[in-house]
N, C-alpha and C. Protein backbone atom coordinates (compact mmCIF):
# COMPACT_ATOMS: atom_id res chain seq x y z
N MET A 1 51.15 66.21 53.20
CA MET A 1 51.61 67.06 54.27
C MET A 1 52.38 68.24 53.72
N SER A 2 52.84 68.13 52.51
CA SER A 2 53.61 69.23 51.91
C SER A 2 52.74 70.46 51.78
N ARG A 3 53.36 71.58 51.98
CA ARG A 3 52.67 72.86 51.77
C ARG A 3 52.97 73.29 50.34
N SER A 4 52.58 72.43 49.37
CA SER A 4 52.87 72.76 47.98
C SER A 4 52.26 74.11 47.65
N GLY A 5 52.92 74.83 46.78
CA GLY A 5 52.51 76.19 46.51
C GLY A 5 53.35 77.17 47.32
N ALA A 6 54.01 76.67 48.36
CA ALA A 6 54.85 77.53 49.18
C ALA A 6 56.29 77.00 49.16
N GLU A 7 56.65 76.32 48.06
CA GLU A 7 57.96 75.68 48.01
C GLU A 7 59.11 76.65 48.21
N HIS A 8 59.01 77.87 47.67
CA HIS A 8 60.12 78.82 47.81
C HIS A 8 60.31 79.20 49.28
N ARG A 9 59.20 79.47 49.97
CA ARG A 9 59.29 79.77 51.39
C ARG A 9 59.83 78.56 52.13
N ASP A 10 59.33 77.39 51.79
CA ASP A 10 59.79 76.17 52.44
C ASP A 10 61.27 75.96 52.22
N GLN A 11 61.74 76.25 51.01
CA GLN A 11 63.16 76.06 50.73
C GLN A 11 63.99 76.97 51.62
N ALA A 12 63.60 78.22 51.74
CA ALA A 12 64.33 79.14 52.61
C ALA A 12 64.28 78.67 54.06
N GLU A 13 63.14 78.15 54.48
CA GLU A 13 63.00 77.66 55.85
C GLU A 13 63.92 76.47 56.11
N ILE A 14 63.92 75.51 55.19
CA ILE A 14 64.75 74.32 55.41
C ILE A 14 66.23 74.69 55.31
N GLU A 15 66.56 75.62 54.44
CA GLU A 15 67.94 76.09 54.36
C GLU A 15 68.36 76.71 55.69
N GLY A 16 67.48 77.49 56.28
CA GLY A 16 67.77 78.08 57.57
C GLY A 16 67.94 77.03 58.65
N ARG A 17 67.12 76.02 58.60
CA ARG A 17 67.18 74.97 59.62
C ARG A 17 68.47 74.15 59.52
N ILE A 18 68.95 73.91 58.30
CA ILE A 18 70.17 73.11 58.15
C ILE A 18 71.42 73.99 58.10
N GLY A 19 71.24 75.29 57.98
CA GLY A 19 72.38 76.19 57.94
C GLY A 19 73.15 76.14 56.63
N TYR A 20 72.44 75.91 55.54
CA TYR A 20 73.09 75.85 54.23
C TYR A 20 72.16 76.45 53.19
N THR A 21 72.67 77.34 52.36
CA THR A 21 71.90 77.94 51.28
C THR A 21 72.34 77.33 49.96
N PHE A 22 71.41 76.76 49.25
CA PHE A 22 71.70 76.11 47.97
C PHE A 22 71.92 77.14 46.87
N ARG A 23 72.91 76.91 46.06
CA ARG A 23 73.12 77.71 44.85
C ARG A 23 72.15 77.23 43.77
N ASP A 24 71.97 75.90 43.68
CA ASP A 24 71.08 75.29 42.70
C ASP A 24 69.77 74.94 43.40
N SER A 25 68.76 75.77 43.19
CA SER A 25 67.49 75.59 43.90
C SER A 25 66.72 74.34 43.47
N SER A 26 67.13 73.73 42.37
CA SER A 26 66.45 72.50 41.96
C SER A 26 66.85 71.32 42.84
N LEU A 27 68.01 71.38 43.46
CA LEU A 27 68.49 70.25 44.26
C LEU A 27 67.67 70.01 45.52
N PRO A 28 67.39 71.02 46.35
CA PRO A 28 66.56 70.73 47.52
C PRO A 28 65.14 70.32 47.14
N LEU A 29 64.62 70.89 46.06
CA LEU A 29 63.29 70.51 45.62
C LEU A 29 63.27 69.03 45.23
N ARG A 30 64.28 68.62 44.49
CA ARG A 30 64.39 67.21 44.10
C ARG A 30 64.58 66.33 45.33
N ALA A 31 65.42 66.77 46.26
CA ALA A 31 65.71 65.98 47.46
C ALA A 31 64.46 65.80 48.32
N LEU A 32 63.51 66.69 48.20
CA LEU A 32 62.31 66.63 49.03
C LEU A 32 61.08 66.23 48.23
N THR A 33 61.30 65.54 47.11
CA THR A 33 60.19 65.07 46.27
C THR A 33 60.22 63.55 46.20
N ARG A 34 59.16 62.94 46.63
CA ARG A 34 59.05 61.48 46.63
C ARG A 34 58.69 60.97 45.23
N LEU A 35 59.08 59.74 44.95
CA LEU A 35 58.79 59.12 43.66
C LEU A 35 57.29 59.12 43.39
N ALA A 36 56.49 58.80 44.38
CA ALA A 36 55.03 58.75 44.19
C ALA A 36 54.50 60.11 43.73
N TYR A 37 54.99 61.19 44.32
CA TYR A 37 54.58 62.53 43.92
C TYR A 37 54.98 62.78 42.47
N THR A 38 56.21 62.40 42.14
CA THR A 38 56.72 62.60 40.79
C THR A 38 55.83 61.91 39.76
N LEU A 39 55.47 60.67 40.04
CA LEU A 39 54.61 59.90 39.12
C LEU A 39 53.22 60.52 39.01
N GLU A 40 52.66 60.91 40.15
CA GLU A 40 51.31 61.50 40.14
C GLU A 40 51.28 62.85 39.42
N ALA A 41 52.35 63.62 39.56
CA ALA A 41 52.40 64.96 38.97
C ALA A 41 52.92 64.95 37.54
N GLY A 42 53.32 63.79 37.04
CA GLY A 42 53.84 63.69 35.68
C GLY A 42 55.17 64.39 35.50
N LEU A 43 55.96 64.43 36.55
CA LEU A 43 57.28 65.07 36.49
C LEU A 43 58.28 64.16 35.79
N PRO A 44 59.40 64.70 35.35
CA PRO A 44 60.43 63.87 34.69
C PRO A 44 60.93 62.76 35.62
N ALA A 45 61.45 61.72 35.03
CA ALA A 45 61.89 60.54 35.78
C ALA A 45 62.97 60.85 36.80
N ASP A 46 63.74 61.90 36.58
CA ASP A 46 64.83 62.22 37.50
C ASP A 46 64.46 63.30 38.52
N ALA A 47 63.19 63.56 38.70
CA ALA A 47 62.76 64.66 39.57
C ALA A 47 62.52 64.24 41.01
N HIS A 48 62.81 63.00 41.36
CA HIS A 48 62.55 62.54 42.73
C HIS A 48 63.85 62.26 43.48
N MET A 49 63.72 61.98 44.74
CA MET A 49 64.83 61.92 45.68
C MET A 49 65.66 60.65 45.69
N ASP A 50 65.24 59.58 45.06
CA ASP A 50 65.87 58.28 45.27
C ASP A 50 67.38 58.26 45.04
N ALA A 51 67.85 58.81 43.94
CA ALA A 51 69.29 58.81 43.68
C ALA A 51 70.03 59.66 44.71
N LEU A 52 69.43 60.78 45.11
CA LEU A 52 70.07 61.64 46.10
C LEU A 52 70.14 60.96 47.47
N ALA A 53 69.14 60.13 47.79
CA ALA A 53 69.16 59.40 49.06
C ALA A 53 70.30 58.39 49.07
N THR A 54 70.53 57.72 47.95
CA THR A 54 71.64 56.78 47.86
C THR A 54 72.97 57.50 48.02
N LEU A 55 73.10 58.63 47.34
CA LEU A 55 74.32 59.43 47.46
C LEU A 55 74.48 59.94 48.89
N GLY A 56 73.42 60.46 49.46
CA GLY A 56 73.48 61.00 50.81
C GLY A 56 73.87 59.97 51.85
N ASP A 57 73.41 58.74 51.68
CA ASP A 57 73.79 57.65 52.58
C ASP A 57 75.30 57.48 52.58
N ALA A 58 75.89 57.46 51.39
CA ALA A 58 77.35 57.31 51.28
C ALA A 58 78.08 58.51 51.86
N VAL A 59 77.59 59.71 51.59
CA VAL A 59 78.22 60.94 52.09
C VAL A 59 78.19 60.95 53.62
N ILE A 60 77.05 60.59 54.20
CA ILE A 60 76.94 60.55 55.66
C ILE A 60 77.95 59.58 56.24
N ASN A 61 78.08 58.41 55.64
CA ASN A 61 79.05 57.43 56.13
C ASN A 61 80.47 57.98 56.08
N VAL A 62 80.84 58.62 54.98
CA VAL A 62 82.18 59.18 54.85
C VAL A 62 82.39 60.28 55.89
N ALA A 63 81.44 61.18 56.04
CA ALA A 63 81.59 62.28 56.99
C ALA A 63 81.75 61.77 58.41
N VAL A 64 80.98 60.75 58.77
CA VAL A 64 81.07 60.21 60.12
C VAL A 64 82.41 59.51 60.34
N VAL A 65 82.85 58.72 59.37
CA VAL A 65 84.14 58.04 59.52
C VAL A 65 85.27 59.08 59.61
N GLU A 66 85.23 60.11 58.78
CA GLU A 66 86.24 61.17 58.87
C GLU A 66 86.24 61.81 60.26
N ALA A 67 85.06 62.08 60.81
CA ALA A 67 84.97 62.71 62.13
C ALA A 67 85.49 61.78 63.22
N VAL A 68 85.19 60.51 63.12
CA VAL A 68 85.66 59.53 64.11
C VAL A 68 87.19 59.44 64.07
N ILE A 69 87.75 59.41 62.87
CA ILE A 69 89.21 59.36 62.73
C ILE A 69 89.84 60.65 63.24
N ALA A 70 89.21 61.78 62.94
CA ALA A 70 89.73 63.07 63.40
C ALA A 70 89.75 63.16 64.93
N GLU A 71 88.86 62.44 65.57
CA GLU A 71 88.82 62.41 67.04
C GLU A 71 89.85 61.45 67.63
N GLY A 72 90.63 60.79 66.74
CA GLY A 72 91.72 59.96 67.23
C GLY A 72 91.53 58.46 67.12
N ALA A 73 90.42 58.01 66.60
CA ALA A 73 90.22 56.56 66.44
C ALA A 73 91.16 56.05 65.36
N HIS A 74 91.74 54.89 65.57
CA HIS A 74 92.65 54.32 64.58
C HIS A 74 92.41 52.84 64.34
N ASP A 75 91.66 52.21 65.22
CA ASP A 75 91.37 50.79 65.09
C ASP A 75 90.14 50.60 64.20
N LYS A 76 90.27 49.75 63.17
CA LYS A 76 89.18 49.53 62.21
C LYS A 76 87.89 49.12 62.91
N GLY A 77 87.98 48.22 63.84
CA GLY A 77 86.78 47.75 64.55
C GLY A 77 86.12 48.86 65.35
N ALA A 78 86.93 49.67 66.02
CA ALA A 78 86.39 50.77 66.81
C ALA A 78 85.74 51.82 65.91
N ILE A 79 86.38 52.10 64.78
CA ILE A 79 85.82 53.06 63.82
C ILE A 79 84.48 52.56 63.30
N THR A 80 84.44 51.30 62.92
CA THR A 80 83.21 50.70 62.40
C THR A 80 82.10 50.71 63.44
N ASN A 81 82.42 50.33 64.67
CA ASN A 81 81.40 50.32 65.73
C ASN A 81 80.87 51.72 66.00
N ARG A 82 81.76 52.70 66.04
CA ARG A 82 81.33 54.08 66.29
C ARG A 82 80.45 54.58 65.16
N LYS A 83 80.84 54.27 63.93
CA LYS A 83 80.02 54.66 62.77
C LYS A 83 78.64 54.03 62.86
N MET A 84 78.60 52.75 63.19
CA MET A 84 77.30 52.07 63.27
C MET A 84 76.42 52.67 64.37
N ASN A 85 77.03 53.12 65.46
CA ASN A 85 76.26 53.75 66.53
C ASN A 85 75.73 55.12 66.13
N LEU A 86 76.48 55.82 65.30
CA LEU A 86 76.08 57.17 64.89
C LEU A 86 75.14 57.18 63.70
N VAL A 87 75.37 56.27 62.76
CA VAL A 87 74.60 56.27 61.51
C VAL A 87 73.69 55.05 61.50
N ASN A 88 72.46 55.27 61.91
CA ASN A 88 71.45 54.23 61.83
C ASN A 88 70.10 54.89 61.57
N MET A 89 69.15 54.09 61.18
CA MET A 89 67.85 54.64 60.80
C MET A 89 67.23 55.44 61.94
N THR A 90 67.33 54.96 63.14
CA THR A 90 66.71 55.65 64.28
C THR A 90 67.32 57.03 64.48
N ARG A 91 68.62 57.12 64.41
CA ARG A 91 69.32 58.40 64.61
C ARG A 91 69.00 59.37 63.48
N LEU A 92 69.06 58.89 62.24
CA LEU A 92 68.77 59.78 61.09
C LEU A 92 67.32 60.23 61.11
N ARG A 93 66.43 59.32 61.47
CA ARG A 93 65.01 59.67 61.55
C ARG A 93 64.79 60.73 62.62
N ALA A 94 65.46 60.59 63.76
CA ALA A 94 65.32 61.58 64.84
C ALA A 94 65.81 62.96 64.38
N LEU A 95 66.91 62.99 63.65
CA LEU A 95 67.41 64.27 63.12
C LEU A 95 66.39 64.87 62.15
N ALA A 96 65.81 64.02 61.29
CA ALA A 96 64.79 64.49 60.35
C ALA A 96 63.57 65.02 61.09
N GLU A 97 63.18 64.33 62.16
CA GLU A 97 62.03 64.80 62.95
C GLU A 97 62.34 66.13 63.62
N ASP A 98 63.57 66.29 64.11
CA ASP A 98 63.96 67.57 64.73
C ASP A 98 63.86 68.73 63.74
N LEU A 99 64.09 68.43 62.46
CA LEU A 99 63.98 69.45 61.41
C LEU A 99 62.54 69.65 60.93
N ASP A 100 61.60 68.82 61.41
CA ASP A 100 60.23 68.80 60.89
C ASP A 100 60.26 68.56 59.38
N LEU A 101 61.16 67.68 58.95
CA LEU A 101 61.41 67.46 57.53
C LEU A 101 60.16 67.00 56.78
N ALA A 102 59.29 66.26 57.44
CA ALA A 102 58.07 65.79 56.78
C ALA A 102 57.23 66.94 56.25
N ASP A 103 57.32 68.10 56.89
CA ASP A 103 56.55 69.27 56.46
C ASP A 103 57.05 69.85 55.14
N TYR A 104 58.25 69.51 54.73
CA TYR A 104 58.86 70.07 53.54
C TYR A 104 58.84 69.11 52.34
N VAL A 105 58.49 67.86 52.59
CA VAL A 105 58.53 66.84 51.54
C VAL A 105 57.25 66.88 50.71
N ARG A 106 57.42 66.70 49.41
CA ARG A 106 56.26 66.57 48.52
C ARG A 106 55.93 65.08 48.46
N TRP A 107 54.86 64.70 49.15
CA TRP A 107 54.43 63.32 49.28
C TRP A 107 53.41 62.97 48.21
N GLY A 108 53.39 61.70 47.80
CA GLY A 108 52.32 61.21 46.96
C GLY A 108 51.02 61.20 47.76
N LYS A 109 49.90 61.19 47.08
CA LYS A 109 48.59 61.24 47.76
C LYS A 109 48.41 60.09 48.72
N GLY A 110 48.76 58.88 48.29
CA GLY A 110 48.64 57.71 49.16
C GLY A 110 49.57 57.80 50.36
N GLU A 111 50.79 58.30 50.13
CA GLU A 111 51.75 58.46 51.23
C GLU A 111 51.21 59.46 52.25
N ALA A 112 50.66 60.54 51.76
CA ALA A 112 50.12 61.56 52.65
C ALA A 112 48.94 61.01 53.45
N ALA A 113 48.07 60.28 52.77
CA ALA A 113 46.90 59.72 53.45
C ALA A 113 47.32 58.72 54.52
N GLN A 114 48.37 57.95 54.25
CA GLN A 114 48.84 56.94 55.20
C GLN A 114 49.84 57.51 56.21
N ARG A 115 50.26 58.76 55.99
CA ARG A 115 51.26 59.39 56.86
C ARG A 115 52.50 58.48 56.98
N VAL A 116 53.06 58.11 55.83
CA VAL A 116 54.16 57.14 55.79
C VAL A 116 55.39 57.61 56.57
N TRP A 117 55.52 58.90 56.78
CA TRP A 117 56.68 59.43 57.49
C TRP A 117 56.66 59.08 58.97
N THR A 118 55.55 58.55 59.49
CA THR A 118 55.45 58.26 60.92
C THR A 118 56.05 56.90 61.30
N SER A 119 56.44 56.11 60.33
CA SER A 119 57.01 54.81 60.66
C SER A 119 58.13 54.45 59.69
N GLY A 120 58.95 53.56 60.12
CA GLY A 120 59.98 53.02 59.24
C GLY A 120 61.08 53.99 58.88
N ARG A 121 61.65 53.75 57.73
CA ARG A 121 62.86 54.41 57.29
C ARG A 121 62.61 55.65 56.43
N VAL A 122 61.38 55.98 56.18
CA VAL A 122 61.05 57.02 55.19
C VAL A 122 61.71 58.36 55.50
N LEU A 123 61.60 58.84 56.72
CA LEU A 123 62.19 60.15 57.05
C LEU A 123 63.72 60.10 57.02
N ALA A 124 64.30 58.98 57.41
CA ALA A 124 65.76 58.84 57.32
C ALA A 124 66.21 58.97 55.88
N GLU A 125 65.46 58.36 54.95
CA GLU A 125 65.79 58.48 53.53
C GLU A 125 65.64 59.91 53.03
N CYS A 126 64.67 60.62 53.54
CA CYS A 126 64.49 62.02 53.15
C CYS A 126 65.69 62.85 53.60
N LEU A 127 66.18 62.60 54.82
CA LEU A 127 67.36 63.31 55.30
C LEU A 127 68.58 62.93 54.46
N GLU A 128 68.72 61.67 54.13
CA GLU A 128 69.83 61.24 53.27
C GLU A 128 69.79 61.97 51.94
N ALA A 129 68.60 62.10 51.36
CA ALA A 129 68.45 62.80 50.08
C ALA A 129 68.85 64.27 50.21
N LEU A 130 68.47 64.89 51.30
CA LEU A 130 68.83 66.29 51.51
C LEU A 130 70.34 66.43 51.64
N ILE A 131 70.99 65.52 52.34
CA ILE A 131 72.45 65.56 52.47
C ILE A 131 73.10 65.31 51.11
N GLY A 132 72.54 64.40 50.32
CA GLY A 132 73.05 64.17 48.97
C GLY A 132 72.96 65.43 48.12
N ALA A 133 71.88 66.18 48.27
CA ALA A 133 71.71 67.44 47.53
C ALA A 133 72.73 68.48 47.99
N VAL A 134 72.97 68.56 49.29
CA VAL A 134 73.98 69.49 49.80
C VAL A 134 75.34 69.13 49.22
N TYR A 135 75.65 67.84 49.19
CA TYR A 135 76.93 67.38 48.65
C TYR A 135 77.09 67.79 47.19
N LEU A 136 76.06 67.56 46.38
CA LEU A 136 76.15 67.92 44.97
C LEU A 136 76.30 69.43 44.79
N ASP A 137 75.67 70.19 45.65
CA ASP A 137 75.68 71.64 45.52
C ASP A 137 76.97 72.26 46.06
N GLY A 138 77.47 71.74 47.17
CA GLY A 138 78.58 72.41 47.84
C GLY A 138 79.77 71.54 48.18
N GLY A 139 79.70 70.25 47.88
CA GLY A 139 80.82 69.36 48.15
C GLY A 139 80.80 68.76 49.55
N MET A 140 81.86 68.01 49.83
CA MET A 140 81.95 67.27 51.08
C MET A 140 82.01 68.20 52.29
N GLY A 141 82.72 69.30 52.18
CA GLY A 141 82.81 70.23 53.30
C GLY A 141 81.45 70.78 53.70
N ALA A 142 80.63 71.11 52.71
CA ALA A 142 79.29 71.63 52.99
C ALA A 142 78.42 70.55 53.65
N ALA A 143 78.48 69.33 53.12
CA ALA A 143 77.68 68.24 53.69
C ALA A 143 78.12 67.94 55.12
N ALA A 144 79.45 67.88 55.33
CA ALA A 144 79.96 67.62 56.68
C ALA A 144 79.56 68.73 57.64
N GLY A 145 79.55 69.97 57.16
CA GLY A 145 79.13 71.10 57.98
C GLY A 145 77.68 70.99 58.41
N VAL A 146 76.81 70.60 57.50
CA VAL A 146 75.40 70.41 57.84
C VAL A 146 75.25 69.30 58.87
N LEU A 147 75.95 68.20 58.67
CA LEU A 147 75.86 67.08 59.62
C LEU A 147 76.37 67.49 61.00
N ARG A 148 77.39 68.31 61.03
CA ARG A 148 77.92 68.82 62.30
C ARG A 148 76.88 69.71 62.97
N ARG A 149 76.28 70.63 62.20
CA ARG A 149 75.27 71.53 62.76
C ARG A 149 74.05 70.77 63.24
N LEU A 150 73.70 69.68 62.58
CA LEU A 150 72.56 68.88 63.01
C LEU A 150 72.88 68.04 64.24
N GLY A 151 74.17 67.92 64.56
CA GLY A 151 74.56 67.18 65.75
C GLY A 151 74.97 65.74 65.50
N LEU A 152 75.01 65.32 64.24
CA LEU A 152 75.39 63.92 63.98
C LEU A 152 76.87 63.70 64.24
N THR A 153 77.70 64.65 63.85
CA THR A 153 79.15 64.48 64.03
C THR A 153 79.72 65.54 64.97
N GLU A 154 78.87 66.22 65.68
CA GLU A 154 79.33 67.29 66.56
C GLU A 154 80.28 66.77 67.63
N ARG A 155 79.89 65.69 68.27
CA ARG A 155 80.73 65.10 69.31
C ARG A 155 80.80 63.61 69.06
N VAL A 156 81.72 63.20 68.22
CA VAL A 156 81.87 61.76 67.93
C VAL A 156 82.80 61.16 68.89
């Protein structure tokens, strides 16, 4: 599904959609590259999104908890419940779908043929990787800003 060959245009488009311009252009490319694509293309072992998705998951959790506390929550149980309601696969996947994120990802041939982004957690992981890339490029404030603009922490 990737429009490979148009990655620079795609990068500018996704930056516009998330409201963040990367200083390090390798980060969004890595965040939007699946392991299967990396293996098929013979890219270096660190050229895929997996580590960024793990980082992005943690960053999203921190940003949401910070926003919940900033809104006045002080009870651990209430904070945890609110975080769980805001940060789940369904919600992250919906945000990724709103961005048309599948159009920007470099998929492996089998993934593209099976349209893996249409089910399960795949698109949520892609969004997590993108947030991880924003964090590495611009820090917590930049990542929290993107999440706010996407509507995840806009009204907690």
